[in-house]
Amino acid sequence: MENATTHTDLSFEQIAAAKGVEAREPAWIAEKARRVDALTRDLAPLVRPGETVQVLDTTAGGVHALLRMGLRQPTRFIYDFHFFHHQDDPRIGALRAELVAGLAAHPPAAVVVLEESWPELGYARLAAFPDLARVLERSFPLAVTGPGYRIHAKRRDP
């Protein structure tokens, strides 16, 4: 194999350039960072000091935005994936009921639904969780639609 290139045939600069290309930030990281920035900016005017925000997300940046803002969630659920698989399993039904009860007992300033989630993608996944869809419709009207998220703000009495 006379024409095969080995690492010893490459200069330090060539190796460093190749490694730099490998290590550069993928596009999805920059997109997520932009989403977190936008979500943080859109949530800020909707949340009063001491209030909470519930996020329905898996890895699209919702929890990152709450961390950046120093906000807590009103329930123990930091991800929503477990609400959307094996929906006929009584354990999933119990988790769903706990979330809905938690939102009623400790209403957050907002509920943020991230579009990218797992195992179900898109906002339409809420149709498979009718009790939550009713809570959002009744108590948390849609306030903001941002890049990859929707913020449902708590209905406030005048």
C-alpha atoms as a PDB file:
ATOM      1  CA  MET A   1       0.000   0.000   0.000  1.00  0.00           C
ATOM      2  CA  GLU A   2       2.389   2.661  -1.175  1.00  0.00           C
ATOM      3  CA  ASN A   3      -0.293   5.346  -1.569  1.00  0.00           C
ATOM      4  CA  ALA A   4      -1.920   4.896   1.844  1.00  0.00           C
ATOM      5  CA  THR A   5      -1.666   7.969   4.051  1.00  0.00           C
ATOM      6  CA  THR A   6      -0.617   7.448   7.631  1.00  0.00           C
ATOM      7  CA  HIS A   7      -0.740   9.840  10.565  1.00  0.00           C
ATOM      8  CA  THR A   8       3.012  10.297  10.234  1.00  0.00           C
ATOM      9  CA  ASP A   9       2.489  11.634   6.699  1.00  0.00           C
ATOM     10  CA  LEU A  10       0.196  14.409   7.993  1.00  0.00           C
ATOM     11  CA  SER A  11       1.474  17.646   9.455  1.00  0.00           C
ATOM     12  CA  PHE A  12       0.477  18.793  12.915  1.00  0.00           C
ATOM     13  CA  GLU A  13      -1.626  21.530  11.286  1.00  0.00           C
ATOM     14  CA  GLN A  14      -3.521  19.009   9.154  1.00  0.00           C
ATOM     15  CA  ILE A  15      -4.253  16.801  12.150  1.00  0.00           C
ATOM     16  CA  ALA A  16      -5.282  19.793  14.293  1.00  0.00           C
ATOM     17  CA  ALA A  17      -7.585  21.067  11.530  1.00  0.00           C
ATOM     18  CA  ALA A  18      -9.236  17.653  11.160  1.00  0.00           C
ATOM     19  CA  LYS A  19      -9.743  17.379  14.914  1.00  0.00           C
ATOM     20  CA  GLY A  20     -11.143  20.913  15.021  1.00  0.00           C
ATOM     21  CA  VAL A  21     -13.724  20.050  12.386  1.00  0.00           C
ATOM     22  CA  GLU A  22     -14.715  16.964  14.382  1.00  0.00           C
ATOM     23  CA  ALA A  23     -15.064  18.957  17.603  1.00  0.00           C
ATOM     24  CA  ARG A  24     -16.973  21.958  16.285  1.00  0.00           C
ATOM     25  CA  GLU A  25     -20.459  22.492  17.579  1.00  0.00           C
ATOM     26  CA  PRO A  26     -23.156  20.682  15.601  1.00  0.00           C
ATOM     27  CA  ALA A  27     -25.987  22.818  14.223  1.00  0.00           C
ATOM     28  CA  TRP A  28     -28.561  21.305  16.588  1.00  0.00           C
ATOM     29  CA  ILE A  29     -26.684  22.649  19.624  1.00  0.00           C
ATOM     30  CA  ALA A  30     -26.765  26.203  18.277  1.00  0.00           C
ATOM     31  CA  GLU A  31     -30.467  25.797  17.413  1.00  0.00           C
ATOM     32  CA  LYS A  32     -31.248  24.587  20.934  1.00  0.00           C
ATOM     33  CA  ALA A  33     -29.309  27.510  22.425  1.00  0.00           C
ATOM     34  CA  ARG A  34     -31.353  29.948  20.320  1.00  0.00           C
ATOM     35  CA  ARG A  35     -34.571  28.243  21.485  1.00  0.00           C
ATOM     36  CA  VAL A  36     -33.504  28.498  25.145  1.00  0.00           C
ATOM     37  CA  ASP A  37     -32.686  32.198  24.647  1.00  0.00           C
ATOM     38  CA  ALA A  38     -36.064  32.888  23.028  1.00  0.00           C
ATOM     39  CA  LEU A  39     -37.993  30.860  25.611  1.00  0.00           C
ATOM     40  CA  THR A  40     -36.230  32.652  28.457  1.00  0.00           C
ATOM     41  CA  ARG A  41     -37.059  36.019  26.899  1.00  0.00           C
ATOM     42  CA  ASP A  42     -40.718  35.086  26.282  1.00  0.00           C
ATOM     43  CA  LEU A  43     -41.263  33.589  29.751  1.00  0.00           C
ATOM     44  CA  ALA A  44     -39.751  36.452  31.734  1.00  0.00           C
ATOM     45  CA  PRO A  45     -42.715  38.852  31.539  1.00  0.00           C
ATOM     46  CA  LEU A  46     -45.205  36.089  32.359  1.00  0.00           C
ATOM     47  CA  VAL A  47     -43.659  34.870  35.619  1.00  0.00           C
ATOM     48  CA  ARG A  48     -43.772  36.810  38.875  1.00  0.00           C
ATOM     49  CA  PRO A  49     -41.204  36.272  41.637  1.00  0.00           C
ATOM     50  CA  GLY A  50     -41.842  33.015  43.493  1.00  0.00           C
ATOM     51  CA  GLU A  51     -44.039  31.515  40.768  1.00  0.00           C
ATOM     52  CA  THR A  52     -43.356  28.221  39.032  1.00  0.00           C
ATOM     53  CA  VAL A  53     -43.465  27.002  35.431  1.00  0.00           C
ATOM     54  CA  GLN A  54     -44.319  23.485  34.270  1.00  0.00           C
ATOM     55  CA  VAL A  55     -42.400  22.272  31.219  1.00  0.00           C
ATOM     56  CA  LEU A  56     -43.571  19.449  28.941  1.00  0.00           C
ATOM     57  CA  ASP A  57     -40.356  18.469  27.220  1.00  0.00           C
ATOM     58  CA  THR A  58     -37.718  15.804  26.942  1.00  0.00           C
ATOM     59  CA  THR A  59     -34.510  17.367  25.617  1.00  0.00           C
ATOM     60  CA  ALA A  60     -35.510  20.454  23.608  1.00  0.00           C
ATOM     61  CA  GLY A  61     -34.320  23.031  26.162  1.00  0.00           C
ATOM     62  CA  GLY A  62     -37.272  23.669  28.459  1.00  0.00           C
ATOM     63  CA  VAL A  63     -35.546  22.644  31.671  1.00  0.00           C
ATOM     64  CA  HIS A  64     -32.437  24.551  30.544  1.00  0.00           C
ATOM     65  CA  ALA A  65     -34.526  27.739  30.278  1.00  0.00           C
ATOM     66  CA  LEU A  66     -35.949  27.205  33.784  1.00  0.00           C
ATOM     67  CA  LEU A  67     -32.470  26.647  35.182  1.00  0.00           C
ATOM     68  CA  ARG A  68     -31.229  29.809  33.509  1.00  0.00           C
ATOM     69  CA  MET A  69     -34.131  31.775  35.052  1.00  0.00           C
ATOM     70  CA  GLY A  70     -33.857  30.162  38.486  1.00  0.00           C
ATOM     71  CA  LEU A  71     -37.410  28.796  38.233  1.00  0.00           C
ATOM     72  CA  ARG A  72     -38.886  25.644  39.712  1.00  0.00           C
ATOM     73  CA  GLN A  73     -41.649  23.400  38.462  1.00  0.00           C
ATOM     74  CA  PRO A  74     -44.805  22.823  40.526  1.00  0.00           C
ATOM     75  CA  THR A  75     -44.661  19.045  40.074  1.00  0.00           C
ATOM     76  CA  ARG A  76     -41.949  16.424  40.206  1.00  0.00           C
ATOM     77  CA  PHE A  77     -42.111  15.852  36.437  1.00  0.00           C
ATOM     78  CA  ILE A  78     -39.132  17.287  34.592  1.00  0.00           C
ATOM     79  CA  TYR A  79     -39.796  15.261  31.411  1.00  0.00           C
ATOM     80  CA  ASP A  80     -43.022  14.335  29.678  1.00  0.00           C
ATOM     81  CA  PHE A  81     -42.083  11.152  27.804  1.00  0.00           C
ATOM     82  CA  HIS A  82     -43.655   8.828  30.346  1.00  0.00           C
ATOM     83  CA  PHE A  83     -47.116  10.346  29.749  1.00  0.00           C
ATOM     84  CA  PHE A  84     -47.142   9.274  26.101  1.00  0.00           C
ATOM     85  CA  HIS A  85     -46.103   5.617  25.996  1.00  0.00           C
ATOM     86  CA  HIS A  86     -48.072   2.556  27.103  1.00  0.00           C
ATOM     87  CA  GLN A  87     -51.035   4.820  27.654  1.00  0.00           C
ATOM     88  CA  ASP A  88     -53.292   1.951  28.709  1.00  0.00           C
ATOM     89  CA  ASP A  89     -50.962   0.959  31.550  1.00  0.00           C
ATOM     90  CA  PRO A  90     -52.487   1.911  34.934  1.00  0.00           C
ATOM     91  CA  ARG A  91     -49.093   3.214  36.101  1.00  0.00           C
ATOM     92  CA  ILE A  92     -49.055   5.726  33.249  1.00  0.00           C
ATOM     93  CA  GLY A  93     -52.633   6.676  34.135  1.00  0.00           C
ATOM     94  CA  ALA A  94     -51.521   7.279  37.733  1.00  0.00           C
ATOM     95  CA  LEU A  95     -48.640   9.504  36.567  1.00  0.00           C
ATOM     96  CA  ARG A  96     -51.002  11.472  34.345  1.00  0.00           C
ATOM     97  CA  ALA A  97     -53.481  11.926  37.192  1.00  0.00           C
ATOM     98  CA  GLU A  98     -50.658  13.078  39.483  1.00  0.00           C
ATOM     99  CA  LEU A  99     -49.558  15.732  36.973  1.00  0.00           C
ATOM    100  CA  VAL A 100     -53.093  17.080  36.510  1.00  0.00           C
ATOM    101  CA  ALA A 101     -53.687  17.095  40.282  1.00  0.00           C
ATOM    102  CA  GLY A 102     -50.344  18.842  40.836  1.00  0.00           C
ATOM    103  CA  LEU A 103     -51.212  21.571  38.344  1.00  0.00           C
ATOM    104  CA  ALA A 104     -54.555  22.088  40.096  1.00  0.00           C
ATOM    105  CA  ALA A 105     -53.034  22.107  43.590  1.00  0.00           C
ATOM    106  CA  HIS A 106     -50.135  24.418  42.689  1.00  0.00           C
ATOM    107  CA  PRO A 107     -51.033  26.291  39.489  1.00  0.00           C
ATOM    108  CA  PRO A 108     -47.893  27.500  37.733  1.00  0.00           C
ATOM    109  CA  ALA A 109     -47.592  30.876  36.026  1.00  0.00           C
ATOM    110  CA  ALA A 110     -47.217  29.016  32.746  1.00  0.00           C
ATOM    111  CA  VAL A 111     -47.082  25.619  31.114  1.00  0.00           C
ATOM    112  CA  VAL A 112     -44.524  25.354  28.329  1.00  0.00           C
ATOM    113  CA  VAL A 113     -45.006  22.688  25.664  1.00  0.00           C
ATOM    114  CA  LEU A 114     -41.935  21.977  23.556  1.00  0.00           C
ATOM    115  CA  GLU A 115     -42.639  20.745  20.055  1.00  0.00           C
ATOM    116  CA  GLU A 116     -39.763  18.259  19.944  1.00  0.00           C
ATOM    117  CA  SER A 117     -40.347  15.510  22.436  1.00  0.00           C
ATOM    118  CA  TRP A 118     -40.104  11.762  22.628  1.00  0.00           C
ATOM    119  CA  PRO A 119     -41.681   9.307  21.941  1.00  0.00           C
ATOM    120  CA  GLU A 120     -44.382  11.527  20.441  1.00  0.00           C
ATOM    121  CA  LEU A 121     -43.379  14.572  18.401  1.00  0.00           C
ATOM    122  CA  GLY A 122     -45.397  17.715  17.944  1.00  0.00           C
ATOM    123  CA  TYR A 123     -48.047  19.585  19.840  1.00  0.00           C
ATOM    124  CA  ALA A 124     -50.726  17.137  18.701  1.00  0.00           C
ATOM    125  CA  ARG A 125     -49.444  14.663  21.317  1.00  0.00           C
ATOM    126  CA  LEU A 126     -51.554  16.528  23.885  1.00  0.00           C
ATOM    127  CA  ALA A 127     -54.687  15.166  22.217  1.00  0.00           C
ATOM    128  CA  ALA A 128     -53.622  11.760  23.563  1.00  0.00           C
ATOM    129  CA  PHE A 129     -53.720  13.232  27.096  1.00  0.00           C
ATOM    130  CA  PRO A 130     -57.245  14.720  27.170  1.00  0.00           C
ATOM    131  CA  ASP A 131     -57.231  15.620  30.879  1.00  0.00           C
ATOM    132  CA  LEU A 132     -54.154  17.786  30.402  1.00  0.00           C
ATOM    133  CA  ALA A 133     -55.544  19.276  27.182  1.00  0.00           C
ATOM    134  CA  ARG A 134     -58.673  20.317  29.136  1.00  0.00           C
ATOM    135  CA  VAL A 135     -56.586  21.893  31.914  1.00  0.00           C
ATOM    136  CA  LEU A 136     -54.649  23.919  29.348  1.00  0.00           C
ATOM    137  CA  GLU A 137     -57.814  24.990  27.535  1.00  0.00           C
ATOM    138  CA  ARG A 138     -59.625  25.966  30.737  1.00  0.00           C
ATOM    139  CA  SER A 139     -56.855  27.510  32.842  1.00  0.00           C
ATOM    140  CA  PHE A 140     -53.825  28.182  30.634  1.00  0.00           C
ATOM    141  CA  PRO A 141     -54.682  29.874  27.338  1.00  0.00           C
ATOM    142  CA  LEU A 142     -52.014  30.019  24.663  1.00  0.00           C
ATOM    143  CA  ALA A 143     -49.992  33.202  25.209  1.00  0.00           C
ATOM    144  CA  VAL A 144     -46.867  32.801  23.055  1.00  0.00           C
ATOM    145  CA  THR A 145     -45.851  30.642  20.132  1.00  0.00           C
ATOM    146  CA  GLY A 146     -42.083  30.633  19.720  1.00  0.00           C
ATOM    147  CA  PRO A 147     -39.558  28.660  17.703  1.00  0.00           C
ATOM    148  CA  GLY A 148     -40.295  25.100  18.810  1.00  0.00           C
ATOM    149  CA  TYR A 149     -42.415  25.898  21.851  1.00  0.00           C
ATOM    150  CA  ARG A 150     -45.765  27.195  23.043  1.00  0.00           C
ATOM    151  CA  ILE A 151     -46.305  29.002  26.317  1.00  0.00           C
ATOM    152  CA  HIS A 152     -49.708  28.624  27.944  1.00  0.00           C
ATOM    153  CA  ALA A 153     -50.021  31.369  30.591  1.00  0.00           C
ATOM    154  CA  LYS A 154     -52.179  31.038  33.683  1.00  0.00           C
ATOM    155  CA  ARG A 155     -55.523  32.754  33.307  1.00  0.00           C
ATOM    156  CA  ARG A 156     -55.403  35.629  35.764  1.00  0.00           C
ATOM    157  CA  ASP A 157     -58.504  37.167  37.318  1.00  0.00           C
ATOM    158  CA  PRO A 158     -58.816  40.898  36.529  1.00  0.00           C
END
